[in-house]
Amino acid sequence: MMNILKESNTKKIDKKWRIGEFLSQLKGEEDEHEEFIDEVSAIRQATRESIQSQHE
């Protein structure tokens, strides 16, 4: 009986760890996407400014 309880407890801990790991990976991917979007926005802004300065 004790072994069953220990296994159940171990499975719960493992499941919580896997869920936490999965969520942290998702969060990391979101951060990478935000950085990429920021870079693209900066490039677009620089392009707009360059075009505007050429027209002046």
PDB file of N, CA and C in Angstrom:
ATOM      1  N   MET A   1       0.822  -1.200   0.000  1.00  0.00           N
ATOM      2  CA  MET A   1       0.000   0.000   0.000  1.00  0.00           C
ATOM      3  C   MET A   1       0.863   1.260   0.000  1.00  0.00           C
ATOM      4  N   MET A   2       1.915   1.238   0.804  1.00  0.00           N
ATOM      5  CA  MET A   2       2.802   2.405   0.882  1.00  0.00           C
ATOM      6  C   MET A   2       3.505   2.649  -0.450  1.00  0.00           C
ATOM      7  N   ASN A   3       3.876   1.560  -1.126  1.00  0.00           N
ATOM      8  CA  ASN A   3       4.536   1.707  -2.423  1.00  0.00           C
ATOM      9  C   ASN A   3       3.617   2.376  -3.433  1.00  0.00           C
ATOM     10  N   ILE A   4       2.340   2.022  -3.391  1.00  0.00           N
ATOM     11  CA  ILE A   4       1.376   2.625  -4.313  1.00  0.00           C
ATOM     12  C   ILE A   4       1.267   4.119  -4.043  1.00  0.00           C
ATOM     13  N   LEU A   5       1.218   4.502  -2.768  1.00  0.00           N
ATOM     14  CA  LEU A   5       1.141   5.919  -2.407  1.00  0.00           C
ATOM     15  C   LEU A   5       2.400   6.663  -2.835  1.00  0.00           C
ATOM     16  N   LYS A   6       3.559   6.040  -2.653  1.00  0.00           N
ATOM     17  CA  LYS A   6       4.817   6.671  -3.060  1.00  0.00           C
ATOM     18  C   LYS A   6       4.857   6.869  -4.573  1.00  0.00           C
ATOM     19  N   GLU A   7       4.426   5.838  -5.314  1.00  0.00           N
ATOM     20  CA  GLU A   7       4.403   5.947  -6.774  1.00  0.00           C
ATOM     21  C   GLU A   7       3.448   7.041  -7.224  1.00  0.00           C
ATOM     22  N   SER A   8       2.295   7.103  -6.579  1.00  0.00           N
ATOM     23  CA  SER A   8       1.307   8.123  -6.919  1.00  0.00           C
ATOM     24  C   SER A   8       1.869   9.514  -6.656  1.00  0.00           C
ATOM     25  N   ASN A   9       2.534   9.667  -5.532  1.00  0.00           N
ATOM     26  CA  ASN A   9       3.135  10.953  -5.173  1.00  0.00           C
ATOM     27  C   ASN A   9       4.241  11.323  -6.154  1.00  0.00           C
ATOM     28  N   THR A  10       5.046  10.360  -6.535  1.00  0.00           N
ATOM     29  CA  THR A  10       6.124  10.592  -7.491  1.00  0.00           C
ATOM     30  C   THR A  10       5.553  11.009  -8.843  1.00  0.00           C
ATOM     31  N   LYS A  11       4.476  10.357  -9.256  1.00  0.00           N
ATOM     32  CA  LYS A  11       3.843  10.702 -10.532  1.00  0.00           C
ATOM     33  C   LYS A  11       3.291  12.120 -10.504  1.00  0.00           C
ATOM     34  N   LYS A  12       2.699  12.521  -9.367  1.00  0.00           N
ATOM     35  CA  LYS A  12       2.166  13.880  -9.242  1.00  0.00           C
ATOM     36  C   LYS A  12       3.283  14.907  -9.346  1.00  0.00           C
ATOM     37  N   ILE A  13       4.376  14.647  -8.657  1.00  0.00           N
ATOM     38  CA  ILE A  13       5.516  15.567  -8.691  1.00  0.00           C
ATOM     39  C   ILE A  13       6.075  15.650 -10.105  1.00  0.00           C
ATOM     40  N   ASP A  14       6.214  14.491 -10.762  1.00  0.00           N
ATOM     41  CA  ASP A  14       6.728  14.452 -12.129  1.00  0.00           C
ATOM     42  C   ASP A  14       5.802  15.206 -13.077  1.00  0.00           C
ATOM     43  N   LYS A  15       4.499  15.022 -12.907  1.00  0.00           N
ATOM     44  CA  LYS A  15       3.532  15.708 -13.765  1.00  0.00           C
ATOM     45  C   LYS A  15       3.628  17.219 -13.571  1.00  0.00           C
ATOM     46  N   LYS A  16       3.729  17.667 -12.325  1.00  0.00           N
ATOM     47  CA  LYS A  16       3.853  19.101 -12.049  1.00  0.00           C
ATOM     48  C   LYS A  16       5.131  19.652 -12.672  1.00  0.00           C
ATOM     49  N   TRP A  17       6.219  18.884 -12.583  1.00  0.00           N
ATOM     50  CA  TRP A  17       7.491  19.336 -13.148  1.00  0.00           C
ATOM     51  C   TRP A  17       7.382  19.455 -14.665  1.00  0.00           C
ATOM     52  N   ARG A  18       6.754  18.430 -15.311  1.00  0.00           N
ATOM     53  CA  ARG A  18       6.615  18.463 -16.768  1.00  0.00           C
ATOM     54  C   ARG A  18       5.740  19.626 -17.216  1.00  0.00           C
ATOM     55  N   ILE A  19       4.665  19.894 -16.481  1.00  0.00           N
ATOM     56  CA  ILE A  19       3.794  21.024 -16.825  1.00  0.00           C
ATOM     57  C   ILE A  19       4.565  22.329 -16.682  1.00  0.00           C
ATOM     58  N   GLY A  20       5.313  22.466 -15.593  1.00  0.00           N
ATOM     59  CA  GLY A  20       6.116  23.674 -15.381  1.00  0.00           C
ATOM     60  C   GLY A  20       7.155  23.855 -16.470  1.00  0.00           C
ATOM     61  N   GLU A  21       7.791  22.777 -16.861  1.00  0.00           N
ATOM     62  CA  GLU A  21       8.799  22.827 -17.926  1.00  0.00           C
ATOM     63  C   GLU A  21       8.161  23.250 -19.249  1.00  0.00           C
ATOM     64  N   PHE A  22       7.002  22.685 -19.546  1.00  0.00           N
ATOM     65  CA  PHE A  22       6.286  23.016 -20.776  1.00  0.00           C
ATOM     66  C   PHE A  22       5.907  24.494 -20.798  1.00  0.00           C
ATOM     67  N   LEU A  23       5.363  24.981 -19.691  1.00  0.00           N
ATOM     68  CA  LEU A  23       4.956  26.384 -19.620  1.00  0.00           C
ATOM     69  C   LEU A  23       6.154  27.324 -19.737  1.00  0.00           C
ATOM     70  N   SER A  24       7.272  26.944 -19.141  1.00  0.00           N
ATOM     71  CA  SER A  24       8.453  27.801 -19.240  1.00  0.00           C
ATOM     72  C   SER A  24       8.981  27.833 -20.674  1.00  0.00           C
ATOM     73  N   GLN A  25       8.867  26.726 -21.395  1.00  0.00           N
ATOM     74  CA  GLN A  25       9.271  26.717 -22.803  1.00  0.00           C
ATOM     75  C   GLN A  25       8.363  27.613 -23.625  1.00  0.00           C
ATOM     76  N   LEU A  26       7.068  27.564 -23.347  1.00  0.00           N
ATOM     77  CA  LEU A  26       6.137  28.437 -24.059  1.00  0.00           C
ATOM     78  C   LEU A  26       6.470  29.895 -23.795  1.00  0.00           C
ATOM     79  N   LYS A  27       6.755  30.212 -22.560  1.00  0.00           N
ATOM     80  CA  LYS A  27       7.086  31.584 -22.186  1.00  0.00           C
ATOM     81  C   LYS A  27       8.354  32.021 -22.911  1.00  0.00           C
ATOM     82  N   GLY A  28       9.338  31.136 -22.985  1.00  0.00           N
ATOM     83  CA  GLY A  28      10.573  31.451 -23.693  1.00  0.00           C
ATOM     84  C   GLY A  28      10.330  31.726 -25.156  1.00  0.00           C
ATOM     85  N   GLU A  29       9.460  30.955 -25.773  1.00  0.00           N
ATOM     86  CA  GLU A  29       9.145  31.169 -27.184  1.00  0.00           C
ATOM     87  C   GLU A  29       8.435  32.495 -27.378  1.00  0.00           C
ATOM     88  N   GLU A  30       7.559  32.855 -26.443  1.00  0.00           N
ATOM     89  CA  GLU A  30       6.865  34.141 -26.540  1.00  0.00           C
ATOM     90  C   GLU A  30       7.867  35.287 -26.477  1.00  0.00           C
ATOM     91  N   ASP A  31       8.848  35.157 -25.577  1.00  0.00           N
ATOM     92  CA  ASP A  31       9.864  36.202 -25.456  1.00  0.00           C
ATOM     93  C   ASP A  31      10.655  36.349 -26.749  1.00  0.00           C
ATOM     94  N   GLU A  32      10.989  35.224 -27.378  1.00  0.00           N
ATOM     95  CA  GLU A  32      11.731  35.275 -28.635  1.00  0.00           C
ATOM     96  C   GLU A  32      10.911  35.950 -29.724  1.00  0.00           C
ATOM     97  N   HIS A  33       9.619  35.645 -29.766  1.00  0.00           N
ATOM     98  CA  HIS A  33       8.747  36.256 -30.772  1.00  0.00           C
ATOM     99  C   HIS A  33       8.636  37.760 -30.541  1.00  0.00           C
ATOM    100  N   GLU A  34       8.527  38.170 -29.283  1.00  0.00           N
ATOM    101  CA  GLU A  34       8.431  39.595 -28.976  1.00  0.00           C
ATOM    102  C   GLU A  34       9.701  40.321 -29.404  1.00  0.00           C
ATOM    103  N   GLU A  35      10.862  39.704 -29.149  1.00  0.00           N
ATOM    104  CA  GLU A  35      12.129  40.311 -29.560  1.00  0.00           C
ATOM    105  C   GLU A  35      12.181  40.447 -31.079  1.00  0.00           C
ATOM    106  N   PHE A  36      11.747  39.424 -31.799  1.00  0.00           N
ATOM    107  CA  PHE A  36      11.741  39.454 -33.259  1.00  0.00           C
ATOM    108  C   PHE A  36      10.821  40.559 -33.766  1.00  0.00           C
ATOM    109  N   ILE A  37       9.627  40.657 -33.177  1.00  0.00           N
ATOM    110  CA  ILE A  37       8.674  41.696 -33.578  1.00  0.00           C
ATOM    111  C   ILE A  37       9.260  43.075 -33.319  1.00  0.00           C
ATOM    112  N   ASP A  38       9.938  43.248 -32.184  1.00  0.00           N
ATOM    113  CA  ASP A  38      10.569  44.534 -31.878  1.00  0.00           C
ATOM    114  C   ASP A  38      11.640  44.875 -32.913  1.00  0.00           C
ATOM    115  N   GLU A  39      12.429  43.876 -33.311  1.00  0.00           N
ATOM    116  CA  GLU A  39      13.473  44.109 -34.313  1.00  0.00           C
ATOM    117  C   GLU A  39      12.862  44.510 -35.653  1.00  0.00           C
ATOM    118  N   VAL A  40      11.809  43.817 -36.061  1.00  0.00           N
ATOM    119  CA  VAL A  40      11.146  44.133 -37.327  1.00  0.00           C
ATOM    120  C   VAL A  40      10.565  45.539 -37.269  1.00  0.00           C
ATOM    121  N   SER A  41       9.962  45.895 -36.150  1.00  0.00           N
ATOM    122  CA  SER A  41       9.395  47.238 -35.995  1.00  0.00           C
ATOM    123  C   SER A  41      10.483  48.301 -36.093  1.00  0.00           C
ATOM    124  N   ALA A  42      11.630  48.045 -35.486  1.00  0.00           N
ATOM    125  CA  ALA A  42      12.735  48.997 -35.538  1.00  0.00           C
ATOM    126  C   ALA A  42      13.248  49.149 -36.971  1.00  0.00           C
ATOM    127  N   ILE A  43      13.341  48.057 -37.698  1.00  0.00           N
ATOM    128  CA  ILE A  43      13.795  48.111 -39.092  1.00  0.00           C
ATOM    129  C   ILE A  43      12.801  48.891 -39.941  1.00  0.00           C
ATOM    130  N   ARG A  44      11.524  48.644 -39.731  1.00  0.00           N
ATOM    131  CA  ARG A  44      10.502  49.370 -40.495  1.00  0.00           C
ATOM    132  C   ARG A  44      10.560  50.864 -40.201  1.00  0.00           C
ATOM    133  N   GLN A  45      10.727  51.217 -38.935  1.00  0.00           N
ATOM    134  CA  GLN A  45      10.801  52.627 -38.555  1.00  0.00           C
ATOM    135  C   GLN A  45      12.022  53.282 -39.203  1.00  0.00           C
ATOM    136  N   ALA A  46      13.155  52.602 -39.181  1.00  0.00           N
ATOM    137  CA  ALA A  46      14.367  53.146 -39.785  1.00  0.00           C
ATOM    138  C   ALA A  46      14.181  53.319 -41.292  1.00  0.00           C
ATOM    139  N   THR A  47      13.504  52.372 -41.921  1.00  0.00           N
ATOM    140  CA  THR A  47      13.243  52.461 -43.361  1.00  0.00           C
ATOM    141  C   THR A  47      12.359  53.661 -43.672  1.00  0.00           C
ATOM    142  N   ARG A  48      11.310  53.839 -42.865  1.00  0.00           N
ATOM    143  CA  ARG A  48      10.416  54.990 -43.070  1.00  0.00           C
ATOM    144  C   ARG A  48      11.178  56.307 -42.942  1.00  0.00           C
ATOM    145  N   GLU A  49      12.005  56.399 -41.910  1.00  0.00           N
ATOM    146  CA  GLU A  49      12.775  57.624 -41.691  1.00  0.00           C
ATOM    147  C   GLU A  49      13.739  57.874 -42.841  1.00  0.00           C
ATOM    148  N   SER A  50      14.354  56.810 -43.340  1.00  0.00           N
ATOM    149  CA  SER A  50      15.286  56.942 -44.453  1.00  0.00           C
ATOM    150  C   SER A  50      14.568  57.435 -45.706  1.00  0.00           C
ATOM    151  N   ILE A  51      13.409  56.868 -45.990  1.00  0.00           N
ATOM    152  CA  ILE A  51      12.638  57.279 -47.167  1.00  0.00           C
ATOM    153  C   ILE A  51      12.189  58.728 -47.030  1.00  0.00           C
ATOM    154  N   GLN A  52      11.746  59.110 -45.837  1.00  0.00           N
ATOM    155  CA  GLN A  52      11.301  60.485 -45.613  1.00  0.00           C
ATOM    156  C   GLN A  52      12.451  61.470 -45.787  1.00  0.00           C
ATOM    157  N   SER A  53      13.635  61.108 -45.305  1.00  0.00           N
ATOM    158  CA  SER A  53      14.775  62.021 -45.423  1.00  0.00           C
ATOM    159  C   SER A  53      15.233  62.146 -46.878  1.00  0.00           C
ATOM    160  N   GLN A  54      15.052  61.112 -47.676  1.00  0.00           N
ATOM    161  CA  GLN A  54      15.421  61.175 -49.082  1.00  0.00           C
ATOM    162  C   GLN A  54      14.474  62.077 -49.868  1.00  0.00           C
ATOM    163  N   HIS A  55      13.228  62.144 -49.446  1.00  0.00           N
ATOM    164  CA  HIS A  55      12.234  62.966 -50.134  1.00  0.00           C
ATOM    165  C   HIS A  55      12.351  64.446 -49.765  1.00  0.00           C
ATOM    166  N   GLU A  56      13.039  64.744 -48.683  1.00  0.00           N
ATOM    167  CA  GLU A  56      13.143  66.143 -48.237  1.00  0.00           C
ATOM    168  C   GLU A  56      14.242  66.893 -48.912  1.00  0.00           C
TER     169      GLU A  56
END
